[in-house]
Amino acid sequence: MTRDLPLAPEDLVQAVRRAGISDERVLDALRATPRAGFVPAHHVALAYTDTPIPIPHGQVTTQPSLSARMIEGLELTGTEHVLEIGTGLAFQTALLARLAADVVSIEMWPDLVRQARQNLAHQGIRNVELRAGDGSCGVPERAPYDAVIVSAAFLEVPPPLVEQLRLSGRLVQPIGPGGQEQVVSFRRTAAGLEHRQVLTWARFVRLIGRYGFPA
């Protein structure tokens, strides 16, 4: 007997593997992080499918295979201090927390921050600091960061995020107007940001803020 929807974390892991993700550390983080704990209750049946899920304020969660590809592009080893722009309900945040030393994550909607904090607490994840605010400004008082991941699109990397990235640090961001973007990995050098590679094409919401699009 077959079932129509994946119902367990391993189903999601295998879907992400089929999408081309080969980093076993990233796959293990997916395996250890029950996505059902990070989606709205009325969408829990979709938790272990490789699909975006709507959340409040017209936002959607990042497709798990896309999150995995972006995280893979950061080349985390477990020692990094990471900045995440766009917490949502904190599923990607939880993956980062399993793969890095600690994570600072900033989200513009305070109610999402409150829910994300509860979600992380329920999973016993404590190496995350959540902030409500303008993600395009980063969190300068906690800089420098070894890696930065931006889960919203803008035409360029906001200058504060470049400034807060440690020399040789990695940054992944969708570059474009919002709707169809190149997800690009960068490395910071003495001369500025070095474009490394296009990881994939994807559709993201716009980055809103002082160094992003106007509200």
N, C-alpha and C. Protein backbone atom coordinates (compact mmCIF):
# COMPACT_ATOMS: atom_id res chain seq x y z
N MET A 1 0.85 -1.20 0.00
CA MET A 1 0.00 0.00 0.00
C MET A 1 0.88 1.24 0.00
N THR A 2 0.60 2.18 -0.89
CA THR A 2 1.37 3.42 -0.94
C THR A 2 0.60 4.53 -0.27
N ARG A 3 1.32 5.56 0.13
CA ARG A 3 0.66 6.73 0.72
C ARG A 3 0.93 7.94 -0.15
N ASP A 4 -0.01 8.88 -0.14
CA ASP A 4 0.06 10.02 -1.05
C ASP A 4 1.03 11.09 -0.59
N LEU A 5 1.21 11.23 0.73
CA LEU A 5 2.05 12.30 1.25
C LEU A 5 3.14 11.73 2.15
N PRO A 6 4.37 12.23 2.01
CA PRO A 6 5.40 11.82 2.97
C PRO A 6 4.99 12.23 4.38
N LEU A 7 5.22 11.35 5.34
CA LEU A 7 4.76 11.60 6.69
C LEU A 7 5.87 11.60 7.73
N ALA A 8 7.11 11.44 7.31
CA ALA A 8 8.20 11.33 8.26
C ALA A 8 9.40 12.14 7.77
N PRO A 9 10.26 12.59 8.71
CA PRO A 9 11.44 13.36 8.30
C PRO A 9 12.29 12.67 7.24
N GLU A 10 12.40 11.35 7.29
CA GLU A 10 13.24 10.65 6.31
C GLU A 10 12.71 10.80 4.89
N ASP A 11 11.38 10.91 4.73
CA ASP A 11 10.82 11.16 3.41
C ASP A 11 11.31 12.50 2.86
N LEU A 12 11.36 13.50 3.72
CA LEU A 12 11.84 14.80 3.30
C LEU A 12 13.33 14.75 2.98
N VAL A 13 14.09 14.05 3.79
CA VAL A 13 15.53 13.91 3.54
C VAL A 13 15.77 13.31 2.16
N GLN A 14 15.04 12.26 1.83
CA GLN A 14 15.24 11.62 0.54
C GLN A 14 14.79 12.51 -0.62
N ALA A 15 13.74 13.29 -0.42
CA ALA A 15 13.31 14.24 -1.46
C ALA A 15 14.39 15.30 -1.69
N VAL A 16 14.99 15.77 -0.62
CA VAL A 16 16.06 16.78 -0.74
C VAL A 16 17.29 16.16 -1.39
N ARG A 17 17.59 14.92 -1.05
CA ARG A 17 18.71 14.24 -1.71
C ARG A 17 18.46 14.12 -3.22
N ARG A 18 17.24 13.76 -3.59
CA ARG A 18 16.92 13.64 -5.01
C ARG A 18 17.01 14.98 -5.73
N ALA A 19 16.83 16.07 -4.98
CA ALA A 19 16.96 17.41 -5.58
C ALA A 19 18.41 17.81 -5.80
N GLY A 20 19.35 16.95 -5.38
CA GLY A 20 20.75 17.21 -5.69
C GLY A 20 21.61 17.61 -4.52
N ILE A 21 21.07 17.58 -3.31
CA ILE A 21 21.86 17.94 -2.13
C ILE A 21 22.63 16.71 -1.67
N SER A 22 23.96 16.86 -1.57
CA SER A 22 24.80 15.70 -1.25
C SER A 22 25.58 15.86 0.05
N ASP A 23 25.56 17.04 0.66
CA ASP A 23 26.28 17.26 1.91
C ASP A 23 25.60 16.47 3.02
N GLU A 24 26.29 15.45 3.52
CA GLU A 24 25.67 14.57 4.51
C GLU A 24 25.38 15.29 5.83
N ARG A 25 26.18 16.29 6.18
CA ARG A 25 25.90 17.05 7.40
C ARG A 25 24.57 17.79 7.27
N VAL A 26 24.31 18.37 6.11
CA VAL A 26 23.05 19.07 5.88
C VAL A 26 21.89 18.08 5.91
N LEU A 27 22.06 16.93 5.29
CA LEU A 27 21.01 15.91 5.29
C LEU A 27 20.76 15.39 6.70
N ASP A 28 21.81 15.23 7.48
CA ASP A 28 21.64 14.78 8.87
C ASP A 28 20.90 15.83 9.70
N ALA A 29 21.17 17.11 9.45
CA ALA A 29 20.45 18.17 10.16
C ALA A 29 18.96 18.12 9.81
N LEU A 30 18.64 17.88 8.55
CA LEU A 30 17.23 17.72 8.14
C LEU A 30 16.60 16.53 8.86
N ARG A 31 17.35 15.45 8.93
CA ARG A 31 16.84 14.23 9.56
C ARG A 31 16.54 14.45 11.04
N ALA A 32 17.32 15.30 11.68
CA ALA A 32 17.20 15.52 13.12
C ALA A 32 16.22 16.63 13.48
N THR A 33 15.65 17.30 12.47
CA THR A 33 14.81 18.47 12.72
C THR A 33 13.41 18.25 12.18
N PRO A 34 12.46 17.92 13.01
CA PRO A 34 11.10 17.64 12.53
C PRO A 34 10.41 18.91 12.02
N ARG A 35 10.24 19.00 10.72
CA ARG A 35 9.65 20.20 10.13
C ARG A 35 8.23 20.44 10.62
N ALA A 36 7.55 19.39 11.03
CA ALA A 36 6.18 19.54 11.54
C ALA A 36 6.12 20.49 12.74
N GLY A 37 7.24 20.65 13.44
CA GLY A 37 7.29 21.58 14.57
C GLY A 37 7.52 23.01 14.18
N PHE A 38 7.60 23.29 12.87
CA PHE A 38 7.93 24.63 12.41
C PHE A 38 6.99 25.12 11.32
N VAL A 39 5.81 24.53 11.22
CA VAL A 39 4.82 24.98 10.24
C VAL A 39 3.49 25.22 10.95
N PRO A 40 2.62 26.04 10.38
CA PRO A 40 1.29 26.23 10.99
C PRO A 40 0.55 24.90 11.11
N ALA A 41 -0.21 24.75 12.18
CA ALA A 41 -0.89 23.48 12.47
C ALA A 41 -1.77 23.03 11.32
N HIS A 42 -2.41 23.97 10.61
CA HIS A 42 -3.32 23.58 9.54
C HIS A 42 -2.59 23.16 8.27
N HIS A 43 -1.25 23.26 8.26
CA HIS A 43 -0.47 22.80 7.11
C HIS A 43 0.46 21.65 7.48
N VAL A 44 0.24 21.03 8.64
CA VAL A 44 1.19 20.02 9.11
C VAL A 44 1.24 18.81 8.18
N ALA A 45 0.17 18.54 7.43
CA ALA A 45 0.19 17.41 6.50
C ALA A 45 1.21 17.59 5.39
N LEU A 46 1.64 18.84 5.15
CA LEU A 46 2.62 19.12 4.11
C LEU A 46 4.05 19.20 4.64
N ALA A 47 4.21 18.98 5.93
CA ALA A 47 5.50 19.25 6.57
C ALA A 47 6.65 18.47 5.95
N TYR A 48 6.41 17.24 5.54
CA TYR A 48 7.51 16.40 5.03
C TYR A 48 7.48 16.25 3.52
N THR A 49 6.85 17.23 2.86
CA THR A 49 6.95 17.36 1.41
C THR A 49 7.94 18.49 1.12
N ASP A 50 8.61 18.40 -0.01
CA ASP A 50 9.60 19.40 -0.39
C ASP A 50 8.88 20.55 -1.10
N THR A 51 8.15 21.32 -0.29
CA THR A 51 7.33 22.39 -0.85
C THR A 51 7.30 23.57 0.10
N PRO A 52 7.20 24.81 -0.41
CA PRO A 52 6.99 25.96 0.47
C PRO A 52 5.63 25.87 1.14
N ILE A 53 5.51 26.48 2.31
CA ILE A 53 4.25 26.47 3.06
C ILE A 53 3.91 27.91 3.46
N PRO A 54 2.66 28.35 3.22
CA PRO A 54 2.28 29.72 3.59
C PRO A 54 2.35 29.94 5.10
N ILE A 55 2.81 31.12 5.48
CA ILE A 55 2.81 31.56 6.87
C ILE A 55 2.24 32.96 6.91
N PRO A 56 1.99 33.54 8.08
CA PRO A 56 1.34 34.86 8.14
C PRO A 56 2.10 35.96 7.39
N HIS A 57 1.39 37.06 7.15
CA HIS A 57 1.91 38.27 6.52
C HIS A 57 2.27 38.06 5.05
N GLY A 58 1.58 37.13 4.39
CA GLY A 58 1.83 36.90 2.98
C GLY A 58 3.17 36.28 2.68
N GLN A 59 3.81 35.70 3.69
CA GLN A 59 5.11 35.07 3.52
C GLN A 59 4.93 33.57 3.27
N VAL A 60 6.00 32.93 2.83
CA VAL A 60 6.02 31.47 2.73
C VAL A 60 7.34 30.97 3.28
N THR A 61 7.34 29.74 3.76
CA THR A 61 8.60 29.13 4.17
C THR A 61 9.42 28.82 2.93
N THR A 62 10.71 28.79 3.06
CA THR A 62 11.57 28.40 1.95
C THR A 62 11.44 26.90 1.72
N GLN A 63 11.34 26.49 0.46
CA GLN A 63 11.31 25.08 0.12
C GLN A 63 12.52 24.38 0.75
N PRO A 64 12.35 23.26 1.43
CA PRO A 64 13.47 22.62 2.14
C PRO A 64 14.69 22.35 1.28
N SER A 65 14.50 21.87 0.05
CA SER A 65 15.67 21.61 -0.79
C SER A 65 16.40 22.90 -1.15
N LEU A 66 15.66 24.01 -1.24
CA LEU A 66 16.29 25.29 -1.52
C LEU A 66 17.06 25.78 -0.29
N SER A 67 16.46 25.65 0.89
CA SER A 67 17.19 25.98 2.13
C SER A 67 18.46 25.16 2.22
N ALA A 68 18.35 23.87 1.93
CA ALA A 68 19.51 22.99 2.01
C ALA A 68 20.60 23.42 1.03
N ARG A 69 20.20 23.81 -0.18
CA ARG A 69 21.19 24.25 -1.17
C ARG A 69 21.89 25.53 -0.71
N MET A 70 21.14 26.46 -0.14
CA MET A 70 21.72 27.71 0.33
C MET A 70 22.66 27.45 1.50
N ILE A 71 22.23 26.60 2.42
CA ILE A 71 23.08 26.27 3.57
C ILE A 71 24.34 25.55 3.10
N GLU A 72 24.19 24.64 2.16
CA GLU A 72 25.34 23.93 1.58
C GLU A 72 26.34 24.93 1.02
N GLY A 73 25.83 26.02 0.41
CA GLY A 73 26.69 27.04 -0.15
C GLY A 73 27.49 27.82 0.87
N LEU A 74 27.07 27.77 2.14
CA LEU A 74 27.83 28.45 3.20
C LEU A 74 29.05 27.66 3.65
N GLU A 75 29.08 26.37 3.31
CA GLU A 75 30.22 25.50 3.63
C GLU A 75 30.53 25.51 5.14
N LEU A 76 29.49 25.31 5.93
CA LEU A 76 29.65 25.35 7.39
C LEU A 76 30.40 24.11 7.89
N THR A 77 31.25 24.33 8.88
CA THR A 77 32.02 23.22 9.47
C THR A 77 31.61 22.94 10.91
N GLY A 78 30.83 23.83 11.53
CA GLY A 78 30.40 23.63 12.90
C GLY A 78 30.94 24.66 13.87
N THR A 79 31.86 25.51 13.41
CA THR A 79 32.49 26.50 14.30
C THR A 79 31.98 27.92 14.06
N GLU A 80 31.10 28.10 13.10
CA GLU A 80 30.77 29.45 12.62
C GLU A 80 29.75 30.20 13.49
N HIS A 81 29.90 31.50 13.47
CA HIS A 81 28.94 32.47 14.02
C HIS A 81 28.16 32.98 12.82
N VAL A 82 26.85 32.66 12.76
CA VAL A 82 26.06 32.86 11.54
C VAL A 82 24.99 33.91 11.76
N LEU A 83 24.77 34.73 10.73
CA LEU A 83 23.66 35.68 10.71
C LEU A 83 22.65 35.22 9.66
N GLU A 84 21.39 35.13 10.07
CA GLU A 84 20.30 34.77 9.16
C GLU A 84 19.35 35.95 9.04
N ILE A 85 19.04 36.34 7.81
CA ILE A 85 18.08 37.41 7.55
C ILE A 85 16.78 36.77 7.10
N GLY A 86 15.75 36.85 7.94
CA GLY A 86 14.46 36.25 7.63
C GLY A 86 14.27 34.95 8.38
N THR A 87 13.74 35.02 9.58
CA THR A 87 13.58 33.85 10.44
C THR A 87 12.38 33.01 10.04
N GLY A 88 11.28 33.67 9.68
CA GLY A 88 10.04 32.94 9.45
C GLY A 88 9.64 32.20 10.71
N LEU A 89 9.32 30.92 10.58
CA LEU A 89 8.96 30.10 11.74
C LEU A 89 10.14 29.26 12.23
N ALA A 90 11.34 29.53 11.68
CA ALA A 90 12.61 29.06 12.24
C ALA A 90 13.03 27.65 11.86
N PHE A 91 12.46 27.07 10.81
CA PHE A 91 12.94 25.76 10.39
C PHE A 91 14.37 25.85 9.86
N GLN A 92 14.62 26.79 8.95
CA GLN A 92 15.97 26.98 8.45
C GLN A 92 16.92 27.39 9.58
N THR A 93 16.42 28.20 10.49
CA THR A 93 17.21 28.61 11.65
C THR A 93 17.67 27.39 12.45
N ALA A 94 16.75 26.45 12.63
CA ALA A 94 17.08 25.23 13.37
C ALA A 94 18.15 24.41 12.65
N LEU A 95 18.05 24.33 11.33
CA LEU A 95 19.08 23.62 10.56
C LEU A 95 20.44 24.28 10.75
N LEU A 96 20.47 25.60 10.65
CA LEU A 96 21.73 26.34 10.83
C LEU A 96 22.29 26.10 12.23
N ALA A 97 21.40 26.08 13.22
CA ALA A 97 21.85 25.89 14.60
C ALA A 97 22.51 24.54 14.80
N ARG A 98 22.09 23.54 14.03
CA ARG A 98 22.70 22.21 14.14
C ARG A 98 24.03 22.13 13.39
N LEU A 99 24.28 23.08 12.51
CA LEU A 99 25.45 23.02 11.64
C LEU A 99 26.51 24.05 11.96
N ALA A 100 26.22 24.99 12.86
CA ALA A 100 27.14 26.07 13.20
C ALA A 100 27.26 26.17 14.72
N ALA A 101 28.16 27.01 15.18
CA ALA A 101 28.33 27.19 16.63
C ALA A 101 27.15 27.94 17.22
N ASP A 102 26.73 29.01 16.54
CA ASP A 102 25.57 29.77 17.01
C ASP A 102 25.02 30.60 15.87
N VAL A 103 23.77 31.05 16.04
CA VAL A 103 23.05 31.76 14.99
C VAL A 103 22.37 32.99 15.58
N VAL A 104 22.50 34.12 14.89
CA VAL A 104 21.71 35.31 15.16
C VAL A 104 20.75 35.45 13.99
N SER A 105 19.45 35.50 14.28
CA SER A 105 18.45 35.54 13.21
C SER A 105 17.52 36.72 13.44
N ILE A 106 17.26 37.49 12.37
CA ILE A 106 16.43 38.69 12.49
C ILE A 106 15.25 38.59 11.53
N GLU A 107 14.08 38.96 12.05
CA GLU A 107 12.82 38.86 11.32
C GLU A 107 12.04 40.16 11.52
N MET A 108 11.39 40.67 10.47
CA MET A 108 10.72 41.96 10.58
C MET A 108 9.40 41.89 11.35
N TRP A 109 8.77 40.70 11.43
CA TRP A 109 7.45 40.59 12.06
C TRP A 109 7.59 40.05 13.48
N PRO A 110 7.28 40.86 14.51
CA PRO A 110 7.44 40.42 15.90
C PRO A 110 6.65 39.17 16.26
N ASP A 111 5.44 38.99 15.68
CA ASP A 111 4.66 37.80 16.02
C ASP A 111 5.32 36.54 15.48
N LEU A 112 5.99 36.65 14.33
CA LEU A 112 6.73 35.49 13.82
C LEU A 112 7.93 35.18 14.72
N VAL A 113 8.57 36.22 15.24
CA VAL A 113 9.69 36.00 16.16
C VAL A 113 9.22 35.26 17.40
N ARG A 114 8.06 35.66 17.93
CA ARG A 114 7.53 34.98 19.13
C ARG A 114 7.26 33.51 18.84
N GLN A 115 6.63 33.22 17.69
CA GLN A 115 6.34 31.84 17.34
C GLN A 115 7.62 31.06 17.08
N ALA A 116 8.57 31.69 16.39
CA ALA A 116 9.84 31.03 16.11
C ALA A 116 10.57 30.68 17.41
N ARG A 117 10.52 31.58 18.38
CA ARG A 117 11.17 31.32 19.67
C ARG A 117 10.55 30.10 20.35
N GLN A 118 9.23 30.01 20.31
CA GLN A 118 8.55 28.85 20.88
C GLN A 118 8.92 27.56 20.15
N ASN A 119 8.96 27.63 18.82
CA ASN A 119 9.29 26.45 18.03
C ASN A 119 10.69 25.93 18.37
N LEU A 120 11.65 26.83 18.45
CA LEU A 120 13.02 26.42 18.78
C LEU A 120 13.10 25.86 20.20
N ALA A 121 12.40 26.49 21.13
CA ALA A 121 12.42 26.02 22.52
C ALA A 121 11.84 24.61 22.62
N HIS A 122 10.77 24.34 21.89
CA HIS A 122 10.15 23.02 21.92
C HIS A 122 11.09 21.93 21.40
N GLN A 123 12.04 22.31 20.54
CA GLN A 123 13.01 21.35 20.02
C GLN A 123 14.32 21.35 20.81
N GLY A 124 14.38 22.14 21.89
CA GLY A 124 15.57 22.18 22.72
C GLY A 124 16.77 22.85 22.07
N ILE A 125 16.52 23.73 21.11
CA ILE A 125 17.60 24.42 20.40
C ILE A 125 17.86 25.75 21.10
N ARG A 126 19.06 25.91 21.64
CA ARG A 126 19.36 27.06 22.49
C ARG A 126 20.47 27.96 21.96
N ASN A 127 21.14 27.58 20.89
CA ASN A 127 22.26 28.38 20.40
C ASN A 127 21.83 29.37 19.32
N VAL A 128 20.62 29.94 19.51
CA VAL A 128 20.06 30.91 18.57
C VAL A 128 19.61 32.15 19.33
N GLU A 129 19.95 33.31 18.80
CA GLU A 129 19.45 34.59 19.31
C GLU A 129 18.53 35.18 18.26
N LEU A 130 17.26 35.43 18.63
CA LEU A 130 16.29 35.97 17.70
C LEU A 130 16.09 37.46 17.94
N ARG A 131 15.94 38.20 16.85
CA ARG A 131 15.69 39.63 16.92
C ARG A 131 14.52 39.99 16.02
N ALA A 132 13.77 41.01 16.39
CA ALA A 132 12.77 41.62 15.51
C ALA A 132 13.35 42.93 15.01
N GLY A 133 13.32 43.14 13.69
CA GLY A 133 13.86 44.38 13.17
C GLY A 133 14.08 44.33 11.68
N ASP A 134 14.84 45.31 11.20
CA ASP A 134 15.13 45.49 9.78
C ASP A 134 16.32 44.62 9.39
N GLY A 135 16.04 43.52 8.70
CA GLY A 135 17.10 42.60 8.35
C GLY A 135 18.12 43.18 7.40
N SER A 136 17.74 44.18 6.60
CA SER A 136 18.69 44.76 5.65
C SER A 136 19.83 45.48 6.37
N CYS A 137 19.62 45.81 7.65
CA CYS A 137 20.66 46.46 8.45
C CYS A 137 21.54 45.45 9.18
N GLY A 138 21.15 44.18 9.16
CA GLY A 138 21.89 43.17 9.90
C GLY A 138 21.76 43.37 11.40
N VAL A 139 22.72 42.82 12.14
CA VAL A 139 22.78 43.00 13.60
C VAL A 139 24.23 43.37 13.91
N PRO A 140 24.58 44.65 13.77
CA PRO A 140 25.99 45.05 13.85
C PRO A 140 26.65 44.79 15.19
N GLU A 141 25.87 44.85 16.27
CA GLU A 141 26.48 44.67 17.59
C GLU A 141 26.94 43.23 17.83
N ARG A 142 26.52 42.30 16.99
CA ARG A 142 26.95 40.91 17.14
C ARG A 142 27.95 40.49 16.07
N ALA A 143 28.32 41.45 15.20
CA ALA A 143 29.30 41.19 14.14
C ALA A 143 30.71 41.12 14.73
N PRO A 144 31.68 40.52 14.00
CA PRO A 144 31.57 40.01 12.63
C PRO A 144 31.05 38.58 12.59
N TYR A 145 30.49 38.23 11.44
CA TYR A 145 29.93 36.90 11.21
C TYR A 145 30.81 36.10 10.26
N ASP A 146 30.86 34.82 10.47
CA ASP A 146 31.58 33.94 9.56
C ASP A 146 30.75 33.60 8.33
N ALA A 147 29.44 33.68 8.46
CA ALA A 147 28.54 33.35 7.35
C ALA A 147 27.25 34.12 7.51
N VAL A 148 26.66 34.52 6.38
CA VAL A 148 25.39 35.25 6.36
C VAL A 148 24.51 34.59 5.30
N ILE A 149 23.26 34.35 5.66
CA ILE A 149 22.29 33.79 4.72
C ILE A 149 21.07 34.71 4.69
N VAL A 150 20.66 35.11 3.50
CA VAL A 150 19.57 36.07 3.32
C VAL A 150 18.42 35.36 2.62
N SER A 151 17.26 35.30 3.27
CA SER A 151 16.11 34.56 2.73
C SER A 151 15.08 35.50 2.13
N ALA A 152 15.55 36.54 1.46
CA ALA A 152 14.69 37.47 0.73
C ALA A 152 15.53 38.11 -0.36
N ALA A 153 14.85 38.58 -1.41
CA ALA A 153 15.56 39.05 -2.61
C ALA A 153 15.76 40.55 -2.63
N PHE A 154 16.93 40.96 -3.11
CA PHE A 154 17.19 42.36 -3.42
C PHE A 154 18.16 42.40 -4.60
N LEU A 155 18.30 43.60 -5.19
CA LEU A 155 19.10 43.76 -6.40
C LEU A 155 20.60 43.62 -6.14
N GLU A 156 21.01 43.80 -4.89
CA GLU A 156 22.41 43.68 -4.50
C GLU A 156 22.47 43.26 -3.04
N VAL A 157 23.65 42.92 -2.58
CA VAL A 157 23.82 42.63 -1.16
C VAL A 157 23.84 43.94 -0.39
N PRO A 158 22.99 44.12 0.60
CA PRO A 158 23.00 45.37 1.37
C PRO A 158 24.38 45.65 1.98
N PRO A 159 24.89 46.87 1.85
CA PRO A 159 26.22 47.19 2.37
C PRO A 159 26.45 46.81 3.83
N PRO A 160 25.45 46.99 4.75
CA PRO A 160 25.72 46.60 6.14
C PRO A 160 26.03 45.11 6.29
N LEU A 161 25.44 44.28 5.45
CA LEU A 161 25.70 42.84 5.55
C LEU A 161 27.11 42.52 5.09
N VAL A 162 27.60 43.25 4.10
CA VAL A 162 28.99 43.08 3.67
C VAL A 162 29.93 43.50 4.78
N GLU A 163 29.63 44.65 5.38
CA GLU A 163 30.50 45.17 6.44
C GLU A 163 30.54 44.26 7.66
N GLN A 164 29.45 43.55 7.92
CA GLN A 164 29.38 42.70 9.11
C GLN A 164 29.94 41.30 8.87
N LEU A 165 30.33 41.02 7.63
CA LEU A 165 30.88 39.70 7.28
C LEU A 165 32.39 39.71 7.48
N ARG A 166 32.87 38.71 8.17
CA ARG A 166 34.30 38.58 8.42
C ARG A 166 35.07 38.36 7.11
N LEU A 167 36.30 38.83 7.04
CA LEU A 167 37.16 38.58 5.90
C LEU A 167 37.23 37.07 5.67
N SER A 168 37.02 36.65 4.45
CA SER A 168 36.94 35.25 4.03
C SER A 168 35.61 34.60 4.39
N GLY A 169 34.69 35.36 4.99
CA GLY A 169 33.38 34.82 5.32
C GLY A 169 32.54 34.60 4.08
N ARG A 170 31.52 33.74 4.19
CA ARG A 170 30.65 33.40 3.07
C ARG A 170 29.27 34.01 3.26
N LEU A 171 28.66 34.39 2.15
CA LEU A 171 27.32 34.97 2.15
C LEU A 171 26.53 34.37 0.99
N VAL A 172 25.27 34.01 1.25
CA VAL A 172 24.38 33.50 0.21
C VAL A 172 23.12 34.35 0.21
N GLN A 173 22.75 34.83 -0.98
CA GLN A 173 21.55 35.69 -1.09
C GLN A 173 20.94 35.54 -2.48
N PRO A 174 19.59 35.56 -2.57
CA PRO A 174 18.94 35.67 -3.88
C PRO A 174 19.08 37.10 -4.41
N ILE A 175 19.60 37.25 -5.61
CA ILE A 175 19.83 38.56 -6.21
C ILE A 175 18.82 38.76 -7.33
N GLY A 176 17.97 39.79 -7.18
CA GLY A 176 16.96 40.08 -8.17
C GLY A 176 15.84 40.91 -7.57
N PRO A 177 14.81 41.19 -8.35
CA PRO A 177 13.75 42.11 -7.91
C PRO A 177 12.68 41.47 -7.05
N GLY A 178 12.72 40.16 -6.84
CA GLY A 178 11.66 39.47 -6.11
C GLY A 178 10.70 38.83 -7.08
N GLY A 179 10.76 37.52 -7.18
CA GLY A 179 9.88 36.81 -8.09
C GLY A 179 10.60 35.76 -8.91
N GLN A 180 11.85 36.04 -9.31
CA GLN A 180 12.67 35.05 -10.01
C GLN A 180 14.12 35.52 -9.90
N GLU A 181 14.88 34.86 -9.03
CA GLU A 181 16.21 35.35 -8.69
C GLU A 181 17.30 34.30 -8.90
N GLN A 182 18.51 34.79 -9.08
CA GLN A 182 19.68 33.94 -8.97
C GLN A 182 20.09 33.89 -7.50
N VAL A 183 20.21 32.69 -6.96
CA VAL A 183 20.72 32.53 -5.60
C VAL A 183 22.24 32.40 -5.72
N VAL A 184 22.95 33.38 -5.17
CA VAL A 184 24.38 33.52 -5.42
C VAL A 184 25.16 33.34 -4.12
N SER A 185 26.28 32.66 -4.21
CA SER A 185 27.21 32.58 -3.08
C SER A 185 28.36 33.55 -3.30
N PHE A 186 28.76 34.22 -2.23
CA PHE A 186 29.84 35.20 -2.25
C PHE A 186 30.85 34.86 -1.16
N ARG A 187 32.04 35.41 -1.31
CA ARG A 187 33.04 35.37 -0.26
C ARG A 187 33.60 36.79 -0.09
N ARG A 188 33.81 37.21 1.14
CA ARG A 188 34.37 38.53 1.36
C ARG A 188 35.89 38.50 1.27
N THR A 189 36.43 39.40 0.48
CA THR A 189 37.88 39.55 0.33
C THR A 189 38.26 40.95 0.77
N ALA A 190 39.55 41.25 0.76
CA ALA A 190 40.02 42.59 1.13
C ALA A 190 39.47 43.64 0.18
N ALA A 191 39.13 43.23 -1.04
CA ALA A 191 38.62 44.17 -2.04
C ALA A 191 37.10 44.29 -2.01
N GLY A 192 36.43 43.47 -1.22
CA GLY A 192 34.96 43.49 -1.16
C GLY A 192 34.39 42.10 -1.35
N LEU A 193 33.18 42.02 -1.89
CA LEU A 193 32.54 40.73 -2.10
C LEU A 193 33.00 40.11 -3.42
N GLU A 194 33.38 38.85 -3.36
CA GLU A 194 33.75 38.10 -4.55
C GLU A 194 32.61 37.16 -4.91
N HIS A 195 32.09 37.31 -6.13
CA HIS A 195 31.03 36.44 -6.63
C HIS A 195 31.63 35.06 -6.89
N ARG A 196 31.10 34.05 -6.22
CA ARG A 196 31.66 32.70 -6.36
C ARG A 196 30.89 31.87 -7.37
N GLN A 197 29.59 31.69 -7.16
CA GLN A 197 28.81 30.91 -8.10
C GLN A 197 27.33 31.13 -7.91
N VAL A 198 26.57 30.88 -8.98
CA VAL A 198 25.11 30.85 -8.89
C VAL A 198 24.72 29.45 -8.44
N LEU A 199 24.06 29.35 -7.29
CA LEU A 199 23.67 28.06 -6.75
C LEU A 199 22.44 27.49 -7.42
N THR A 200 21.49 28.38 -7.75
CA THR A 200 20.25 27.95 -8.38
C THR A 200 19.44 29.19 -8.74
N TRP A 201 18.36 28.99 -9.48
CA TRP A 201 17.34 30.02 -9.66
C TRP A 201 16.18 29.70 -8.72
N ALA A 202 15.53 30.73 -8.21
CA ALA A 202 14.42 30.50 -7.28
C ALA A 202 13.56 31.75 -7.19
N ARG A 203 12.42 31.59 -6.56
CA ARG A 203 11.49 32.71 -6.36
C ARG A 203 11.43 33.04 -4.87
N PHE A 204 11.69 34.30 -4.54
CA PHE A 204 11.71 34.75 -3.15
C PHE A 204 10.84 35.99 -2.98
N VAL A 205 10.39 36.21 -1.75
CA VAL A 205 9.77 37.49 -1.39
C VAL A 205 10.85 38.56 -1.39
N ARG A 206 10.44 39.80 -1.45
CA ARG A 206 11.39 40.92 -1.47
C ARG A 206 11.96 41.21 -0.08
N LEU A 207 13.20 41.65 -0.06
CA LEU A 207 13.82 42.14 1.18
C LEU A 207 13.36 43.57 1.40
N ILE A 208 12.63 43.79 2.47
CA ILE A 208 12.09 45.10 2.80
C ILE A 208 12.96 45.74 3.88
N GLY A 209 13.30 47.02 3.70
CA GLY A 209 14.07 47.69 4.74
C GLY A 209 14.86 48.87 4.22
N ARG A 210 15.62 49.46 5.10
CA ARG A 210 16.39 50.66 4.78
C ARG A 210 17.33 50.42 3.60
N TYR A 211 17.93 49.22 3.54
CA TYR A 211 18.88 48.90 2.48
C TYR A 211 18.29 47.87 1.52
N GLY A 212 16.95 47.78 1.50
CA GLY A 212 16.25 46.91 0.60
C GLY A 212 15.17 47.68 -0.12
N PHE A 213 14.08 47.02 -0.43
CA PHE A 213 12.94 47.68 -1.07
C PHE A 213 12.13 48.44 -0.02
N PRO A 214 11.46 49.53 -0.43
CA PRO A 214 10.58 50.23 0.51
C PRO A 214 9.38 49.36 0.89
N ALA A 215 8.86 49.59 2.07
CA ALA A 215 7.70 48.81 2.53
C ALA A 215 6.50 49.06 1.63
